[in-house]
Protein backbone atom coordinates (compact mmCIF):
# COMPACT_ATOMS: atom_id res chain seq x y z
CA MET A 1 0.00 0.00 0.00
CA HIS A 2 2.85 2.37 0.85
CA TYR A 3 4.43 1.93 -2.58
CA VAL A 4 1.05 2.35 -4.35
CA LYS A 5 0.57 5.67 -2.55
CA LYS A 6 4.00 6.82 -3.72
CA LEU A 7 3.25 5.91 -7.31
CA PHE A 8 -0.09 7.70 -7.13
CA ALA A 9 1.58 10.83 -5.75
CA MET A 10 4.16 10.66 -8.53
CA ALA A 11 1.45 10.31 -11.17
CA VAL A 12 -0.43 13.34 -9.80
CA PHE A 13 2.77 15.38 -9.78
CA CYS A 14 3.53 14.44 -13.38
CA MET A 15 0.19 15.93 -14.41
CA VAL A 16 1.11 19.37 -13.12
CA ILE A 17 4.76 19.70 -14.18
CA SER A 18 5.62 21.59 -17.33
CA SER A 19 4.59 19.61 -20.39
CA SER A 20 7.79 20.69 -22.13
CA VAL A 21 9.82 18.33 -19.96
CA PHE A 22 8.15 15.31 -21.48
CA SER A 23 7.19 16.61 -24.89
CA GLN A 24 9.62 13.92 -26.03
CA SER A 25 10.51 11.18 -23.55
CA GLN A 26 12.96 9.64 -26.01
CA VAL A 27 16.57 10.14 -24.90
CA GLU A 28 19.53 9.67 -27.23
CA VAL A 29 22.94 9.06 -25.69
CA PHE A 30 26.19 9.46 -27.62
CA VAL A 31 29.64 8.44 -26.39
CA SER A 32 32.28 10.89 -27.56
CA GLU A 33 35.98 10.28 -28.18
CA PHE A 34 35.66 6.49 -28.04
CA THR A 35 37.56 4.40 -30.58
CA GLN A 36 36.00 0.94 -30.03
CA HIS A 37 33.14 1.11 -32.51
CA ASP A 38 31.09 -1.96 -31.53
CA LEU A 39 31.40 -1.29 -27.80
CA ARG A 40 30.49 2.37 -28.30
CA ILE A 41 27.33 1.41 -30.20
CA MET A 42 26.36 -1.02 -27.44
CA MET A 43 26.85 1.64 -24.75
CA GLU A 44 24.85 4.22 -26.67
CA GLU A 45 21.94 1.88 -27.39
CA ASN A 46 21.74 0.59 -23.81
CA ALA A 47 22.00 4.01 -22.19
CA SER A 48 19.42 5.47 -24.60
CA ALA A 49 17.02 2.60 -23.91
CA LEU A 50 17.39 2.90 -20.12
CA PHE A 51 16.89 6.66 -19.99
CA THR A 52 13.92 6.52 -22.36
CA GLU A 53 12.34 3.87 -20.11
CA VAL A 54 13.04 6.10 -17.07
CA ASN A 55 11.17 9.03 -18.65
CA ASP A 56 8.31 6.85 -19.87
CA ALA A 57 7.89 5.26 -16.43
CA PHE A 58 8.08 8.61 -14.66
CA SER A 59 5.54 10.34 -16.91
CA SER A 60 3.18 7.35 -16.59
CA GLY A 61 3.59 7.04 -12.82
CA ARG A 62 4.47 3.37 -13.05
CA VAL A 63 7.17 1.02 -11.83
CA LEU A 64 10.44 1.02 -13.76
CA GLU A 65 10.75 -2.00 -16.07
CA LEU A 66 14.30 -3.24 -16.56
CA ASP A 67 15.55 -5.41 -19.43
CA ASP A 68 18.15 -8.10 -18.66
CA ARG A 69 19.68 -7.49 -22.08
CA ILE A 70 20.40 -3.85 -21.15
CA VAL A 71 20.91 -3.77 -17.37
CA LEU A 72 22.94 -6.40 -15.51
CA ASN A 73 20.61 -8.50 -13.38
CA ARG A 74 22.53 -7.83 -10.15
CA PHE A 75 21.84 -4.11 -10.55
CA HIS A 76 18.05 -4.43 -10.92
CA ASN A 77 17.27 -4.24 -7.20
CA PRO A 78 19.52 -1.23 -6.38
CA LEU A 79 18.02 0.75 -9.26
CA LEU A 80 14.45 -0.17 -8.31
CA GLU A 81 15.15 0.73 -4.67
CA MET A 82 16.33 4.17 -5.76
CA TRP A 83 13.24 4.53 -7.95
CA GLU A 84 10.91 3.61 -5.08
CA ASN A 85 12.52 6.11 -2.71
CA THR A 86 12.73 9.08 -5.10
CA PRO A 87 11.69 8.61 -8.74
CA PHE A 88 13.65 10.64 -11.27
CA TYR A 89 13.70 11.77 -14.87
CA ILE A 90 16.24 12.85 -17.47
CA PRO A 91 15.50 16.43 -18.64
CA GLU A 92 17.62 16.32 -21.80
CA ASP A 93 16.63 14.51 -24.99
CA ARG A 94 20.27 14.27 -26.12
CA ILE A 95 23.31 13.52 -23.97
CA ILE A 96 26.87 13.59 -25.34
CA GLU A 97 29.59 12.58 -22.89
CA ASP A 98 32.79 10.55 -22.94
CA ALA A 99 33.19 7.18 -21.20
CA ALA A 100 36.37 6.80 -19.17
CA ARG A 101 37.87 3.36 -18.66
CA LEU A 102 38.32 2.35 -15.02
CA THR A 103 41.12 0.21 -13.59
CA ASN A 104 38.74 -2.78 -13.28
CA GLY A 105 37.91 -2.72 -17.00
CA TYR A 106 34.51 -1.07 -16.60
CA TYR A 107 33.59 2.29 -18.14
CA GLU A 108 32.06 5.37 -16.58
CA MET A 109 30.00 8.20 -18.06
CA ARG A 110 29.65 11.25 -15.81
CA ASN A 111 27.82 14.59 -15.88
CA ILE A 112 24.37 13.13 -16.65
CA PRO A 113 21.60 15.61 -15.72
CA VAL A 114 18.89 14.11 -13.49
CA TYR A 115 15.97 15.48 -11.51
CA PHE A 116 14.96 13.46 -8.44
CA VAL A 117 11.43 14.12 -7.24
CA ASP A 118 10.24 13.69 -3.66
CA PRO A 119 6.69 12.45 -2.95
CA ASP A 120 5.69 16.05 -2.15
CA GLY A 121 6.73 17.10 -5.66
CA GLU A 122 9.95 18.92 -4.77
CA GLU A 123 12.69 18.48 -7.37
CA HIS A 124 16.42 18.07 -6.73
CA TYR A 125 18.89 18.48 -9.59
CA GLU A 126 21.88 16.15 -9.53
CA GLU A 127 24.67 15.01 -11.82
CA ALA A 128 24.55 11.23 -12.13
CA VAL A 129 27.10 8.60 -13.13
CA LEU A 130 26.35 5.70 -15.46
CA GLN A 131 28.68 2.71 -15.40
CA PHE A 132 29.08 0.10 -18.15
CA SER A 133 30.44 -3.43 -17.96
CA PRO A 134 33.29 -4.39 -20.34
CA SER A 135 30.61 -5.70 -22.72
CA GLY A 136 28.66 -2.42 -22.68
CA MET A 137 25.77 -3.38 -20.38
CA ILE A 138 24.54 -0.99 -17.66
CA SER A 139 26.18 -2.05 -14.40
CA GLU A 140 25.49 0.93 -12.13
CA PHE A 141 23.66 4.24 -11.87
CA ARG A 142 24.49 6.50 -8.95
CA VAL A 143 24.34 10.09 -7.79
CA GLY A 144 27.69 11.66 -8.60
CA LEU A 145 29.86 14.56 -7.54
CA ALA A 146 29.82 17.75 -9.55
CA THR A 147 32.10 17.11 -12.54
CA HIS A 148 34.38 20.08 -11.88
CA ARG A 149 34.99 18.96 -8.29
CA TYR A 150 35.61 15.36 -9.34
CA GLN A 151 38.23 16.49 -11.86
CA GLU A 152 39.84 18.83 -9.33
CA LEU A 153 40.19 16.05 -6.74
CA MET A 154 41.66 13.71 -9.36
CA ARG A 155 44.23 16.32 -10.39
CA GLN A 156 45.46 16.47 -6.79
CA GLY A 157 46.75 12.88 -7.05
CA LEU A 158 50.42 12.66 -6.11
CA ASP A 159 51.30 9.67 -8.30
CA ASP A 160 49.67 6.89 -10.34
CA ILE A 161 48.82 4.87 -7.22
CA ASP A 162 47.32 7.88 -5.49
CA ARG A 163 45.30 8.80 -8.59
CA ASN A 164 43.96 5.25 -8.90
CA ASN A 165 43.09 5.24 -5.20
CA ARG A 166 41.35 8.60 -5.52
CA GLN A 167 39.26 7.25 -8.38
CA GLU A 168 38.27 4.31 -6.18
CA ILE A 169 37.57 6.63 -3.24
CA LEU A 170 35.30 8.93 -5.24
CA THR A 171 33.41 5.96 -6.68
CA PHE A 172 33.11 4.55 -3.17
CA VAL A 173 31.90 7.87 -1.72
CA GLU A 174 29.30 8.25 -4.48
CA ASN A 175 28.04 4.71 -3.87
CA PHE A 176 28.01 5.35 -0.12
CA ARG A 177 25.92 8.47 -0.62
CA THR A 178 23.54 6.79 -3.08
CA SER A 179 23.03 3.85 -0.70
CA TYR A 180 21.25 6.23 1.70
CA ASN A 181 19.08 7.58 -1.12
CA ARG A 182 17.94 4.06 -1.97
CA LYS A 183 17.88 2.87 1.69
CA ASP A 184 20.36 0.11 0.91
CA LEU A 185 21.18 -1.13 4.40
CA ASP A 186 23.04 -4.20 3.08
CA PHE A 187 25.60 -2.05 1.24
CA ILE A 188 26.15 0.26 4.22
CA GLU A 189 26.63 -2.70 6.54
CA SER A 190 29.11 -4.31 4.14
CA VAL A 191 31.45 -1.29 3.99
CA PHE A 192 31.88 -0.80 7.75
CA SER A 193 34.49 -2.91 9.45
CA ASP A 194 33.21 -5.00 12.38
CA GLN A 195 35.28 -2.89 14.79
CA ALA A 196 34.33 0.46 13.23
CA LEU A 197 34.39 3.55 15.45
CA ILE A 198 31.21 5.57 14.81
CA ILE A 199 30.73 8.93 16.54
CA VAL A 200 27.69 11.18 16.12
CA GLY A 201 27.45 14.70 17.51
CA ARG A 202 24.12 15.81 18.96
CA VAL A 203 23.10 19.34 19.97
CA LEU A 204 21.61 19.26 23.46
CA GLN A 205 20.70 22.78 24.51
CA SER A 206 21.82 26.37 24.57
CA THR A 207 24.42 27.34 27.17
CA GLY A 208 23.29 30.95 27.00
CA GLU A 209 26.81 32.09 26.09
CA ARG A 210 27.98 33.80 22.93
CA SER A 211 30.23 31.81 20.62
CA ALA A 212 33.71 33.16 20.06
CA TYR A 213 33.41 32.20 16.38
CA ALA A 214 30.05 33.69 15.47
CA ASP A 215 27.49 36.17 16.71
CA GLN A 216 25.12 33.54 18.03
CA VAL A 217 24.32 31.75 21.24
CA GLU A 218 26.59 28.77 21.74
CA GLU A 219 24.94 25.37 22.04
CA GLN A 220 26.12 22.27 23.86
CA VAL A 221 27.10 19.28 21.72
CA GLU A 222 27.18 15.73 23.04
CA PHE A 223 29.11 13.02 21.19
CA LEU A 224 27.60 9.54 21.09
CA GLN A 225 29.65 6.47 20.20
CA PHE A 226 28.08 3.48 18.47
CA SER A 227 29.25 0.02 17.56
CA LYS A 228 28.63 -1.13 14.00
CA ASP A 229 25.61 -3.21 15.06
CA GLU A 230 24.14 -0.32 17.05
CA TYR A 231 24.60 2.08 14.15
CA ILE A 232 23.02 -0.32 11.63
CA ASP A 233 20.02 -0.82 13.95
CA ARG A 234 19.71 2.95 14.20
CA LEU A 235 19.77 3.31 10.43
CA ARG A 236 17.23 0.52 10.01
CA HIS A 237 14.83 2.46 12.22
CA LEU A 238 15.44 5.71 10.31
CA PHE A 239 14.89 4.00 6.97
CA ASN A 240 11.61 2.52 8.21
CA ILE A 241 10.13 5.76 9.55
CA ASN A 242 11.20 8.01 6.65
CA GLU A 243 9.20 7.87 3.45
CA TRP A 244 12.19 9.19 1.51
CA ILE A 245 15.81 10.17 2.19
CA ASP A 246 18.04 12.46 0.13
CA VAL A 247 21.72 12.78 1.10
CA GLY A 248 24.11 15.17 -0.60
CA PHE A 249 27.89 15.66 -0.24
CA GLU A 250 29.84 18.86 -0.90
CA GLU A 251 33.26 20.36 -0.11
CA ILE A 252 35.04 17.01 -0.28
CA GLU A 253 38.68 16.78 0.74
CA ILE A 254 40.86 13.65 0.42
CA VAL A 255 44.04 13.16 2.47
CA ARG A 256 46.36 10.16 2.21
CA HIS A 257 47.98 9.03 5.45
CA PRO A 258 51.70 10.00 5.46
CA ARG A 259 52.87 6.56 6.61
CA PHE A 260 50.14 4.14 5.48
CA GLU A 261 49.51 4.84 1.80
CA GLU A 262 46.43 2.58 1.66
CA ILE A 263 44.67 4.63 4.41
CA TYR A 264 42.74 7.76 3.45
CA GLY A 265 40.79 10.34 5.37
CA VAL A 266 37.80 11.90 3.60
CA GLN A 267 36.24 15.10 4.92
CA LEU A 268 33.01 16.44 3.46
CA THR A 269 29.92 18.45 4.23
CA GLN A 270 26.79 16.29 4.34
CA TYR A 271 23.32 17.62 3.57
CA TYR A 272 20.71 15.23 4.96
CA ASN A 273 17.06 15.66 4.04
CA SER A 274 14.19 13.27 4.66
CA SER A 275 10.43 13.26 4.99
CA ILE A 276 10.66 14.08 8.73
CA TYR A 277 14.11 15.57 9.40
CA SER A 278 16.92 17.65 7.87
CA ASP A 279 20.39 18.67 8.98
CA VAL A 280 23.81 19.78 7.73
CA GLY A 281 27.00 18.46 9.25
CA PHE A 282 30.66 17.63 8.77
CA LEU A 283 31.27 13.98 7.94
CA PHE A 284 34.65 12.27 8.26
CA LEU A 285 35.45 8.79 6.97
CA LEU A 286 38.64 6.83 7.51
CA ILE A 287 38.77 4.37 4.62
CA ASP A 288 41.15 1.42 4.30
CA PHE A 289 42.08 0.35 0.76
CA GLN A 290 44.35 -2.59 1.60
CA LYS A 291 41.88 -4.65 -0.42
CA GLN A 292 41.19 -2.53 -3.49
CA ASP A 293 37.94 -4.29 -4.31
CA GLU A 294 36.71 -4.26 -0.70
CA PRO A 295 37.33 -0.81 0.87
CA MET A 296 36.40 -0.63 4.53
CA ILE A 297 35.32 2.27 6.75
CA HIS A 298 37.10 2.08 10.12
CA VAL A 299 35.99 5.46 11.46
CA ARG A 300 32.89 7.57 10.79
CA THR A 301 32.25 10.83 12.62
CA TRP A 302 29.51 13.42 12.20
CA GLN A 303 29.53 16.91 13.71
CA PRO A 304 26.78 19.54 13.38
CA GLN A 305 27.95 22.27 10.99
CA ARG A 306 26.48 25.17 12.92
CA ASP A 307 28.15 24.24 16.21
CA THR A 308 31.53 23.02 14.95
CA PRO A 309 34.24 25.64 14.31
CA GLU A 310 36.65 24.81 11.49
CA MET A 311 39.53 24.10 13.86
CA GLN A 312 37.44 21.52 15.73
CA ARG A 313 36.50 19.45 12.69
CA PHE A 314 37.61 15.84 12.93
CA SER A 315 40.46 14.89 10.58
CA ILE A 316 42.93 12.11 9.93
CA GLY A 317 45.46 13.94 12.12
CA ASP A 318 43.26 13.24 15.16
CA LEU A 319 43.81 9.49 14.84
CA GLU A 320 46.72 7.35 15.93
CA ILE A 321 46.97 4.45 13.50
CA LEU A 322 48.97 1.46 14.67
């Protein structure tokens, strides 16, 4: 019943949005600067078919129908989970982007314009990432970083290893973010180590004193520590009580540990919005890339943006790694 209500709300919304958006639901995708002719054609046809289906399903207020010949079977559920949480549409009828080859042999197309739509009809513009298997099938669709910031972070790589790790980190961070949007508890649980340190800041009350950093009354912040199991149980509850969740990341910084080159600290600003709650805070992740295909989060901290001066933000320098 819950899902039927969401589809009905989406259908009603589609009746009132500008008709120009869906005057032509057909989307054509072209891969630029790609020399492998047959693979390029496969990518273009599959991406065009998927995005056209997305627009058709959105405008009709129906469930997304996925074709095994276009989308890898293992990706059906993640895409449908995202669709159930916040349906989306592609506003452009023609997309021309390059497809970069990743170290694992897959290909990635970035800078895809997407509008996600909450059940109340509010739209959120994002740049998405489409990933292709070596044979040209769709293997992943996720919310991406802004293209200019992605390129800037990649240019900061110190050497080939660091650049490859940064590529993996940014893919990991985008998947981590998107897992909240699609309420994918299994993915989140899989990327935290069993001994993960998880700290969440919580504003308690005003102290009545003025902050030395801003012209506002200072508030008291309590830090709560959770085990992995406690944190996953907490997330499970949040996912159940929220009709939709939209998480966004900005101001991302990546720092490689000076002694352990496979350990990275990632600082970012997290914008959390849901059907019942919103906040903005500083998120820190300590990610271990000893196993390239299985990165693990050992530390996750969250601090409220408003009550955390810059010099008090958690960073990799605050940790002693043995």
